[in-house]
PDB file of N, CA and C in Angstrom:
ATOM      1  N   UNK A   1      -6.357 -23.896 -10.567  1.00  0.00           N
ATOM      2  CA  UNK A   1      -7.805 -23.665 -10.084  1.00  0.00           C
ATOM      3  C   UNK A   1      -7.619 -22.251  -9.443  1.00  0.00           C
ATOM      4  N   UNK A   2      -7.697 -23.115  -7.993  1.00  0.00           N
ATOM      5  CA  UNK A   2      -7.571 -21.324  -6.675  1.00  0.00           C
ATOM      6  C   UNK A   2      -6.573 -19.886  -7.141  1.00  0.00           C
ATOM      7  N   UNK A   3      -5.886 -20.819  -7.696  1.00  0.00           N
ATOM      8  CA  UNK A   3      -4.630 -19.696  -8.096  1.00  0.00           C
ATOM      9  C   UNK A   3      -5.864 -18.631  -8.726  1.00  0.00           C
ATOM     10  N   UNK A   4      -6.456 -18.845  -9.413  1.00  0.00           N
ATOM     11  CA  UNK A   4      -7.305 -17.975 -10.648  1.00  0.00           C
ATOM     12  C   UNK A   4      -8.267 -16.772 -10.110  1.00  0.00           C
ATOM     13  N   UNK A   5      -8.858 -17.565  -8.947  1.00  0.00           N
ATOM     14  CA  UNK A   5     -10.249 -17.099  -8.268  1.00  0.00           C
ATOM     15  C   UNK A   5      -9.182 -16.193  -6.642  1.00  0.00           C
ATOM     16  N   UNK A   6      -7.827 -16.716  -6.491  1.00  0.00           N
ATOM     17  CA  UNK A   6      -7.132 -15.879  -5.539  1.00  0.00           C
ATOM     18  C   UNK A   6      -6.828 -14.245  -6.157  1.00  0.00           C
ATOM     19  N   UNK A   7      -6.538 -14.570  -7.551  1.00  0.00           N
ATOM     20  CA  UNK A   7      -5.579 -13.380  -8.372  1.00  0.00           C
ATOM     21  C   UNK A   7      -6.957 -11.828  -8.791  1.00  0.00           C
ATOM     22  N   UNK A   8      -8.204 -13.156  -8.632  1.00  0.00           N
ATOM     23  CA  UNK A   8      -9.213 -12.036  -8.950  1.00  0.00           C
ATOM     24  C   UNK A   8     -10.257 -11.209  -7.934  1.00  0.00           C
ATOM     25  N   UNK A   9      -9.821 -11.277  -6.598  1.00  0.00           N
ATOM     26  CA  UNK A   9     -10.393 -10.827  -5.666  1.00  0.00           C
ATOM     27  C   UNK A   9      -9.797  -8.466  -5.800  1.00  0.00           C
ATOM     28  N   UNK A  10     -10.619  -8.255  -5.675  1.00  0.00           N
ATOM     29  CA  UNK A  10     -10.390  -7.095  -5.668  1.00  0.00           C
ATOM     30  C   UNK A  10      -9.477  -6.797  -4.667  1.00  0.00           C
ATOM     31  N   UNK A  11      -8.648  -5.853  -4.969  1.00  0.00           N
ATOM     32  CA  UNK A  11      -7.472  -5.677  -4.069  1.00  0.00           C
ATOM     33  C   UNK A  11      -7.795  -4.089  -2.715  1.00  0.00           C
ATOM     34  N   UNK A  12      -7.243  -4.352  -2.215  1.00  0.00           N
ATOM     35  CA  UNK A  12      -8.106  -3.061  -0.557  1.00  0.00           C
ATOM     36  C   UNK A  12      -6.899  -1.830  -1.246  1.00  0.00           C
ATOM     37  N   UNK A  13      -7.588  -0.486  -0.854  1.00  0.00           N
ATOM     38  CA  UNK A  13      -6.701   0.601  -1.705  1.00  0.00           C
ATOM     39  C   UNK A  13      -6.741   1.284  -0.312  1.00  0.00           C
ATOM     40  N   UNK A  14      -5.454   2.237  -1.229  1.00  0.00           N
ATOM     41  CA  UNK A  14      -4.522   2.486   0.124  1.00  0.00           C
ATOM     42  C   UNK A  14      -5.584   3.363   1.146  1.00  0.00           C
ATOM     43  N   UNK A  15      -6.298   3.935   0.975  1.00  0.00           N
ATOM     44  CA  UNK A  15      -7.299   4.552   1.778  1.00  0.00           C
ATOM     45  C   UNK A  15      -7.959   3.390   2.723  1.00  0.00           C
ATOM     46  N   UNK A  16      -8.626   2.377   2.069  1.00  0.00           N
ATOM     47  CA  UNK A  16      -8.921   1.542   2.904  1.00  0.00           C
ATOM     48  C   UNK A  16      -8.075   0.718   4.304  1.00  0.00           C
ATOM     49  N   UNK A  17      -6.926   0.434   3.327  1.00  0.00           N
ATOM     50  CA  UNK A  17      -5.595  -0.011   4.592  1.00  0.00           C
ATOM     51  C   UNK A  17      -5.112   0.881   5.707  1.00  0.00           C
ATOM     52  N   UNK A  18      -4.843   2.141   4.936  1.00  0.00           N
ATOM     53  CA  UNK A  18      -3.748   3.303   6.250  1.00  0.00           C
ATOM     54  C   UNK A  18      -5.352   4.171   6.080  1.00  0.00           C
ATOM     55  N   UNK A  19      -5.125   4.265   7.267  1.00  0.00           N
ATOM     56  CA  UNK A  19      -6.266   5.276   8.513  1.00  0.00           C
ATOM     57  C   UNK A  19      -5.083   6.650   8.008  1.00  0.00           C
ATOM     58  N   UNK A  20      -4.048   6.467   8.595  1.00  0.00           N
ATOM     59  CA  UNK A  20      -3.337   7.893   8.877  1.00  0.00           C
ATOM     60  C   UNK A  20      -3.473   8.919   7.607  1.00  0.00           C
ATOM     61  N   UNK A  21      -3.676   7.320   5.888  1.00  0.00           N
ATOM     62  CA  UNK A  21      -3.434   8.480   4.589  1.00  0.00           C
ATOM     63  C   UNK A  21      -4.760   8.973   4.379  1.00  0.00           C
ATOM     64  N   UNK A  22      -6.190   7.641   5.411  1.00  0.00           N
ATOM     65  CA  UNK A  22      -7.279   8.209   5.140  1.00  0.00           C
ATOM     66  C   UNK A  22      -7.750   9.346   5.298  1.00  0.00           C
ATOM     67  N   UNK A  23      -7.671  10.113   6.365  1.00  0.00           N
ATOM     68  CA  UNK A  23      -8.038  10.857   7.586  1.00  0.00           C
ATOM     69  C   UNK A  23      -6.849  12.362   7.475  1.00  0.00           C
ATOM     70  N   UNK A  24      -5.239  12.241   6.873  1.00  0.00           N
ATOM     71  CA  UNK A  24      -4.986  13.068   6.477  1.00  0.00           C
ATOM     72  C   UNK A  24      -3.853  13.006   5.660  1.00  0.00           C
ATOM     73  N   UNK A  25      -3.363  12.344   4.642  1.00  0.00           N
ATOM     74  CA  UNK A  25      -2.345  12.629   4.283  1.00  0.00           C
ATOM     75  C   UNK A  25      -3.246  13.242   2.498  1.00  0.00           C
ATOM     76  N   UNK A  26      -4.082  12.503   2.089  1.00  0.00           N
ATOM     77  CA  UNK A  26      -5.609  12.222   1.279  1.00  0.00           C
ATOM     78  C   UNK A  26      -5.682  13.502   1.150  1.00  0.00           C
ATOM     79  N   UNK A  27      -5.643  14.492   2.419  1.00  0.00           N
ATOM     80  CA  UNK A  27      -5.565  16.581   2.242  1.00  0.00           C
ATOM     81  C   UNK A  27      -4.357  16.749   1.603  1.00  0.00           C
ATOM     82  N   UNK A  28      -3.320  16.482   1.545  1.00  0.00           N
ATOM     83  CA  UNK A  28      -2.313  16.930   1.010  1.00  0.00           C
ATOM     84  C   UNK A  28      -2.193  16.925  -0.675  1.00  0.00           C
ATOM     85  N   UNK A  29      -1.085  17.738  -0.914  1.00  0.00           N
ATOM     86  CA  UNK A  29      -0.565  18.037  -1.963  1.00  0.00           C
ATOM     87  C   UNK A  29      -0.729  17.057  -2.708  1.00  0.00           C
ATOM     88  N   UNK A  30      -0.161  16.808  -4.322  1.00  0.00           N
ATOM     89  CA  UNK A  30       0.094  15.329  -5.274  1.00  0.00           C
ATOM     90  C   UNK A  30       1.656  15.010  -4.687  1.00  0.00           C
ATOM     91  N   UNK A  31       2.114  16.046  -4.909  1.00  0.00           N
ATOM     92  CA  UNK A  31       3.974  15.201  -4.215  1.00  0.00           C
ATOM     93  C   UNK A  31       3.977  14.756  -3.135  1.00  0.00           C
ATOM     94  N   UNK A  32       3.259  15.370  -2.065  1.00  0.00           N
ATOM     95  CA  UNK A  32       3.666  15.048  -0.375  1.00  0.00           C
ATOM     96  C   UNK A  32       2.977  13.544  -0.351  1.00  0.00           C
ATOM     97  N   UNK A  33       1.605  13.379  -1.091  1.00  0.00           N
ATOM     98  CA  UNK A  33       1.085  12.574  -1.445  1.00  0.00           C
ATOM     99  C   UNK A  33       1.896  11.120  -1.895  1.00  0.00           C
ATOM    100  N   UNK A  34       2.563  11.156  -2.726  1.00  0.00           N
ATOM    101  CA  UNK A  34       3.561   9.940  -3.325  1.00  0.00           C
ATOM    102  C   UNK A  34       4.685  10.639  -2.584  1.00  0.00           C
ATOM    103  N   UNK A  35       5.305  10.863  -1.571  1.00  0.00           N
ATOM    104  CA  UNK A  35       6.209  11.179  -0.602  1.00  0.00           C
ATOM    105  C   UNK A  35       6.053   9.911  -0.284  1.00  0.00           C
ATOM    106  N   UNK A  36       4.942  10.380   0.962  1.00  0.00           N
ATOM    107  CA  UNK A  36       4.128   9.222   1.551  1.00  0.00           C
ATOM    108  C   UNK A  36       4.428   7.987   1.178  1.00  0.00           C
ATOM    109  N   UNK A  37       3.519   7.735  -0.025  1.00  0.00           N
ATOM    110  CA  UNK A  37       3.303   6.440  -0.694  1.00  0.00           C
ATOM    111  C   UNK A  37       4.858   5.778  -0.238  1.00  0.00           C
ATOM    112  N   UNK A  38       5.753   6.755  -0.836  1.00  0.00           N
ATOM    113  CA  UNK A  38       7.187   6.019  -1.404  1.00  0.00           C
ATOM    114  C   UNK A  38       7.961   5.281   0.049  1.00  0.00           C
ATOM    115  N   UNK A  39       7.634   6.060   0.517  1.00  0.00           N
ATOM    116  CA  UNK A  39       7.838   6.463   2.268  1.00  0.00           C
ATOM    117  C   UNK A  39       7.414   4.752   3.117  1.00  0.00           C
ATOM    118  N   UNK A  40       6.210   4.263   2.703  1.00  0.00           N
ATOM    119  CA  UNK A  40       5.248   3.701   2.889  1.00  0.00           C
ATOM    120  C   UNK A  40       5.816   2.356   2.589  1.00  0.00           C
ATOM    121  N   UNK A  41       6.292   2.428   1.451  1.00  0.00           N
ATOM    122  CA  UNK A  41       6.580   1.249   0.518  1.00  0.00           C
ATOM    123  C   UNK A  41       7.935   1.298   1.138  1.00  0.00           C
ATOM    124  N   UNK A  42       8.677   1.199   1.032  1.00  0.00           N
ATOM    125  CA  UNK A  42      10.118   1.339   1.534  1.00  0.00           C
ATOM    126  C   UNK A  42      10.453   0.875   3.439  1.00  0.00           C
ATOM    127  N   UNK A  43       9.285   1.612   3.810  1.00  0.00           N
ATOM    128  CA  UNK A  43       9.605   0.577   5.143  1.00  0.00           C
ATOM    129  C   UNK A  43       8.869  -0.866   5.611  1.00  0.00           C
ATOM    130  N   UNK A  44       7.684  -1.115   4.579  1.00  0.00           N
ATOM    131  CA  UNK A  44       7.211  -2.012   4.640  1.00  0.00           C
ATOM    132  C   UNK A  44       7.947  -2.871   3.957  1.00  0.00           C
ATOM    133  N   UNK A  45       8.367  -2.680   3.339  1.00  0.00           N
ATOM    134  CA  UNK A  45       9.591  -3.674   2.607  1.00  0.00           C
ATOM    135  C   UNK A  45      10.826  -3.977   3.644  1.00  0.00           C
ATOM    136  N   UNK A  46      11.304  -3.446   4.259  1.00  0.00           N
ATOM    137  CA  UNK A  46      12.227  -3.192   4.998  1.00  0.00           C
ATOM    138  C   UNK A  46      11.867  -4.059   6.231  1.00  0.00           C
ATOM    139  N   UNK A  47      10.651  -4.102   6.936  1.00  0.00           N
ATOM    140  CA  UNK A  47       9.707  -4.577   7.989  1.00  0.00           C
ATOM    141  C   UNK A  47       9.734  -6.440   7.607  1.00  0.00           C
ATOM    142  N   UNK A  48       9.146  -6.082   6.172  1.00  0.00           N
ATOM    143  CA  UNK A  48       9.294  -8.038   5.424  1.00  0.00           C
ATOM    144  C   UNK A  48      11.072  -8.267   5.472  1.00  0.00           C
ATOM    145  N   UNK A  49      11.948  -7.131   5.464  1.00  0.00           N
ATOM    146  CA  UNK A  49      13.142  -8.107   5.194  1.00  0.00           C
ATOM    147  C   UNK A  49      14.017  -8.503   7.060  1.00  0.00           C
ATOM    148  N   UNK A  50      13.337  -8.112   7.337  1.00  0.00           N
ATOM    149  CA  UNK A  50      13.376  -7.974   8.846  1.00  0.00           C
ATOM    150  C   UNK A  50      12.766  -9.653   8.933  1.00  0.00           C
ATOM    151  N   UNK A  51      13.106  -9.448  10.617  1.00  0.00           N
ATOM    152  CA  UNK A  51      12.152 -10.716  10.894  1.00  0.00           C
ATOM    153  C   UNK A  51      10.872 -10.711  11.728  1.00  0.00           C
ATOM    154  N   UNK A  52       9.687 -10.716  11.140  1.00  0.00           N
ATOM    155  CA  UNK A  52       8.649  -9.592  10.767  1.00  0.00           C
ATOM    156  C   UNK A  52       7.822 -11.101  11.808  1.00  0.00           C
ATOM    157  N   UNK A  53       6.474 -11.254  12.368  1.00  0.00           N
ATOM    158  CA  UNK A  53       5.731 -12.151  12.792  1.00  0.00           C
ATOM    159  C   UNK A  53       5.168 -12.646  11.198  1.00  0.00           C
ATOM    160  N   UNK A  54       4.773 -13.993  10.750  1.00  0.00           N
ATOM    161  CA  UNK A  54       4.151 -14.297   9.493  1.00  0.00           C
ATOM    162  C   UNK A  54       2.976 -13.583   9.550  1.00  0.00           C
ATOM    163  N   UNK A  55       2.317 -13.279  10.777  1.00  0.00           N
ATOM    164  CA  UNK A  55       1.220 -13.192   9.918  1.00  0.00           C
ATOM    165  C   UNK A  55       1.236 -11.381   9.919  1.00  0.00           C
ATOM    166  N   UNK A  56       2.306 -11.111   9.974  1.00  0.00           N
ATOM    167  CA  UNK A  56       1.707  -9.523   9.311  1.00  0.00           C
ATOM    168  C   UNK A  56       2.149  -9.456   8.046  1.00  0.00           C
ATOM    169  N   UNK A  57       2.760 -10.478   7.507  1.00  0.00           N
ATOM    170  CA  UNK A  57       2.977 -10.714   6.070  1.00  0.00           C
ATOM    171  C   UNK A  57       2.239  -9.977   4.456  1.00  0.00           C
ATOM    172  N   UNK A  58       1.016 -10.993   5.095  1.00  0.00           N
ATOM    173  CA  UNK A  58      -0.078 -10.758   3.935  1.00  0.00           C
ATOM    174  C   UNK A  58      -0.613  -8.525   4.388  1.00  0.00           C
ATOM    175  N   UNK A  59      -0.656  -8.316   5.515  1.00  0.00           N
ATOM    176  CA  UNK A  59      -0.916  -6.915   5.311  1.00  0.00           C
ATOM    177  C   UNK A  59       0.382  -5.908   4.736  1.00  0.00           C
ATOM    178  N   UNK A  60       1.170  -6.097   5.202  1.00  0.00           N
ATOM    179  CA  UNK A  60       2.151  -5.293   4.327  1.00  0.00           C
ATOM    180  C   UNK A  60       2.498  -5.474   3.476  1.00  0.00           C
ATOM    181  N   UNK A  61       2.551  -6.644   2.296  1.00  0.00           N
ATOM    182  CA  UNK A  61       2.755  -6.818   0.897  1.00  0.00           C
ATOM    183  C   UNK A  61       1.269  -5.842   0.467  1.00  0.00           C
ATOM    184  N   UNK A  62       0.028  -6.340   1.012  1.00  0.00           N
ATOM    185  CA  UNK A  62      -1.570  -5.514   0.443  1.00  0.00           C
ATOM    186  C   UNK A  62      -0.916  -3.984   0.614  1.00  0.00           C
ATOM    187  N   UNK A  63      -0.320  -3.677   1.835  1.00  0.00           N
ATOM    188  CA  UNK A  63      -0.244  -1.862   2.349  1.00  0.00           C
ATOM    189  C   UNK A  63       1.275  -1.676   0.362  1.00  0.00           C
ATOM    190  N   UNK A  64       2.401  -2.451   0.318  1.00  0.00           N
ATOM    191  CA  UNK A  64       3.289  -2.125  -1.172  1.00  0.00           C
ATOM    192  C   UNK A  64       1.942  -1.959  -1.884  1.00  0.00           C
ATOM    193  N   UNK A  65       1.484  -3.002  -2.173  1.00  0.00           N
ATOM    194  CA  UNK A  65       1.434  -2.923  -3.318  1.00  0.00           C
ATOM    195  C   UNK A  65      -0.077  -2.064  -3.454  1.00  0.00           C
ATOM    196  N   UNK A  66      -0.745  -1.257  -2.649  1.00  0.00           N
ATOM    197  CA  UNK A  66      -1.933  -0.689  -2.454  1.00  0.00           C
ATOM    198  C   UNK A  66      -1.023   1.046  -3.031  1.00  0.00           C
ATOM    199  N   UNK A  67       0.002   1.100  -1.998  1.00  0.00           N
ATOM    200  CA  UNK A  67       0.947   2.658  -2.357  1.00  0.00           C
ATOM    201  C   UNK A  67       1.624   2.501  -3.522  1.00  0.00           C
ATOM    202  N   UNK A  68       1.874   1.222  -4.393  1.00  0.00           N
ATOM    203  CA  UNK A  68       2.021   1.643  -5.609  1.00  0.00           C
ATOM    204  C   UNK A  68       1.304   1.847  -6.722  1.00  0.00           C
ATOM    205  N   UNK A  69      -0.113   1.381  -6.424  1.00  0.00           N
ATOM    206  CA  UNK A  69      -1.384   1.558  -6.970  1.00  0.00           C
ATOM    207  C   UNK A  69      -1.743   2.854  -7.018  1.00  0.00           C
ATOM    208  N   UNK A  70      -1.582   3.379  -5.598  1.00  0.00           N
ATOM    209  CA  UNK A  70      -1.644   4.746  -5.980  1.00  0.00           C
ATOM    210  C   UNK A  70      -0.750   6.064  -6.133  1.00  0.00           C
ATOM    211  N   UNK A  71       0.174   5.492  -5.953  1.00  0.00           N
ATOM    212  CA  UNK A  71       1.674   6.418  -6.753  1.00  0.00           C
ATOM    213  C   UNK A  71       0.848   6.176  -8.265  1.00  0.00           C
ATOM    214  N   UNK A  72       1.130   5.060  -8.790  1.00  0.00           N
ATOM    215  CA  UNK A  72       0.148   5.296 -10.274  1.00  0.00           C
ATOM    216  C   UNK A  72      -0.722   6.083 -10.486  1.00  0.00           C
ATOM    217  N   UNK A  73      -1.984   5.905  -9.634  1.00  0.00           N
ATOM    218  CA  UNK A  73      -2.939   6.863  -9.914  1.00  0.00           C
ATOM    219  C   UNK A  73      -2.928   8.222  -9.924  1.00  0.00           C
ATOM    220  N   UNK A  74      -2.195   8.581  -8.958  1.00  0.00           N
ATOM    221  CA  UNK A  74      -1.287   9.723  -8.537  1.00  0.00           C
ATOM    222  C   UNK A  74      -0.921  10.896  -9.842  1.00  0.00           C
ATOM    223  N   UNK A  75       0.488   9.756 -10.456  1.00  0.00           N
ATOM    224  CA  UNK A  75       0.917  10.236 -11.196  1.00  0.00           C
ATOM    225  C   UNK A  75       0.224  10.925 -12.422  1.00  0.00           C
ATOM    226  N   UNK A  76      -0.391   9.771 -12.575  1.00  0.00           N
ATOM    227  CA  UNK A  76      -1.398   9.506 -14.290  1.00  0.00           C
ATOM    228  C   UNK A  76      -2.320  10.621 -14.214  1.00  0.00           C
ATOM    229  N   UNK A  77      -2.461  11.911 -13.038  1.00  0.00           N
ATOM    230  CA  UNK A  77      -3.304  12.790 -13.333  1.00  0.00           C
ATOM    231  C   UNK A  77      -2.785  14.069 -13.844  1.00  0.00           C
TER     232      UNK A  77
END
C-alpha cells in the first residue's frame, strides 16, 4: 500500500534538480539540450555503478529519470 503512495508522488523536473540546466543549458538549442541530458544520464549511471555513497543514490536516480523525461519532451516537439 505504501508503494502506491510513493509511486504517485510528483517527480521533480530536471529544471528543479540541476541548476546548470536551469541557468544555462535550457537556453541552448534542442539538440544541445538532448546531448546534455544524455551525458548527464551516462555520468549518473557511471557514478551509480561505482561505489558512490548510499545517500547519493536517490538523487542520482532522480537525475536520470528527470533527464530521460526531458529528452522525451524535447523529442516530441
